[in-house]
Amino acid sequence: MARRLDCVAELSTVDRILKVGASYQRQREVAAKNNGDLTKVVDALMAEMRDGLPS
């Protein structure tokens, strides 16, 4: 079905999201671990962009 609808690439990310969580979940976790320090959240986002999304 995904091939027929030409959305295989989009659906391939579902497994990763289920394994590592959505970006907002990872961001909230980083903030919680750092007393709400949003600079740590930005640092984590930058690391994900630089190194690739978590696997």
Protein backbone atom coordinates (compact mmCIF):
# COMPACT_ATOMS: atom_id res chain seq x y z
CA MET A 1 0.00 0.00 0.00
CA ALA A 2 2.79 2.43 0.89
CA ARG A 3 4.45 1.86 -2.47
CA ARG A 4 1.19 2.41 -4.26
CA LEU A 5 0.72 5.68 -2.39
CA ASP A 6 4.40 6.58 -2.86
CA CYS A 7 5.04 7.14 0.84
CA VAL A 8 7.52 4.37 1.71
CA ALA A 9 10.21 6.85 2.79
CA GLU A 10 7.82 8.74 5.04
CA LEU A 11 6.58 5.58 6.73
CA SER A 12 10.10 4.22 7.22
CA THR A 13 10.63 6.73 10.04
CA VAL A 14 7.77 5.32 12.13
CA ASP A 15 9.95 2.48 13.51
CA ARG A 16 12.67 4.94 14.52
CA ILE A 17 10.19 7.21 16.26
CA LEU A 18 8.79 4.27 18.19
CA LYS A 19 12.30 3.20 19.24
CA VAL A 20 13.84 6.55 20.24
CA GLY A 21 10.79 8.75 20.71
CA ALA A 22 9.65 11.82 18.87
CA SER A 23 11.81 14.93 18.91
CA TYR A 24 9.56 16.70 21.40
CA GLN A 25 9.86 13.74 23.78
CA ARG A 26 13.66 13.77 23.59
CA GLN A 27 13.69 17.54 24.07
CA ARG A 28 11.47 17.33 27.15
CA GLU A 29 13.68 14.60 28.60
CA VAL A 30 16.81 16.73 28.11
CA ALA A 31 15.10 19.72 29.71
CA ALA A 32 13.93 17.65 32.67
CA LYS A 33 17.41 16.22 33.23
CA ASN A 34 18.89 19.75 33.18
CA ASN A 35 16.46 21.64 35.42
CA GLY A 36 14.66 23.18 32.46
CA ASP A 37 17.83 24.58 30.89
CA LEU A 38 16.79 25.15 27.28
CA THR A 39 20.36 25.73 26.15
CA LYS A 40 20.92 22.02 26.81
CA VAL A 41 17.90 21.25 24.62
CA VAL A 42 19.35 23.37 21.80
CA ASP A 43 22.73 21.67 22.26
CA ALA A 44 21.05 18.26 21.99
CA LEU A 45 19.15 19.30 18.86
CA MET A 46 22.33 20.61 17.28
CA ALA A 47 24.11 17.34 18.07
CA GLU A 48 21.29 15.38 16.45
CA MET A 49 21.50 17.53 13.34
CA ARG A 50 25.30 17.29 13.21
CA ASP A 51 25.61 13.58 14.01
CA GLY A 52 22.35 12.33 12.58
CA LEU A 53 19.13 11.56 14.35
CA PRO A 54 19.30 8.97 17.11
CA SER A 55 19.07 5.42 15.87
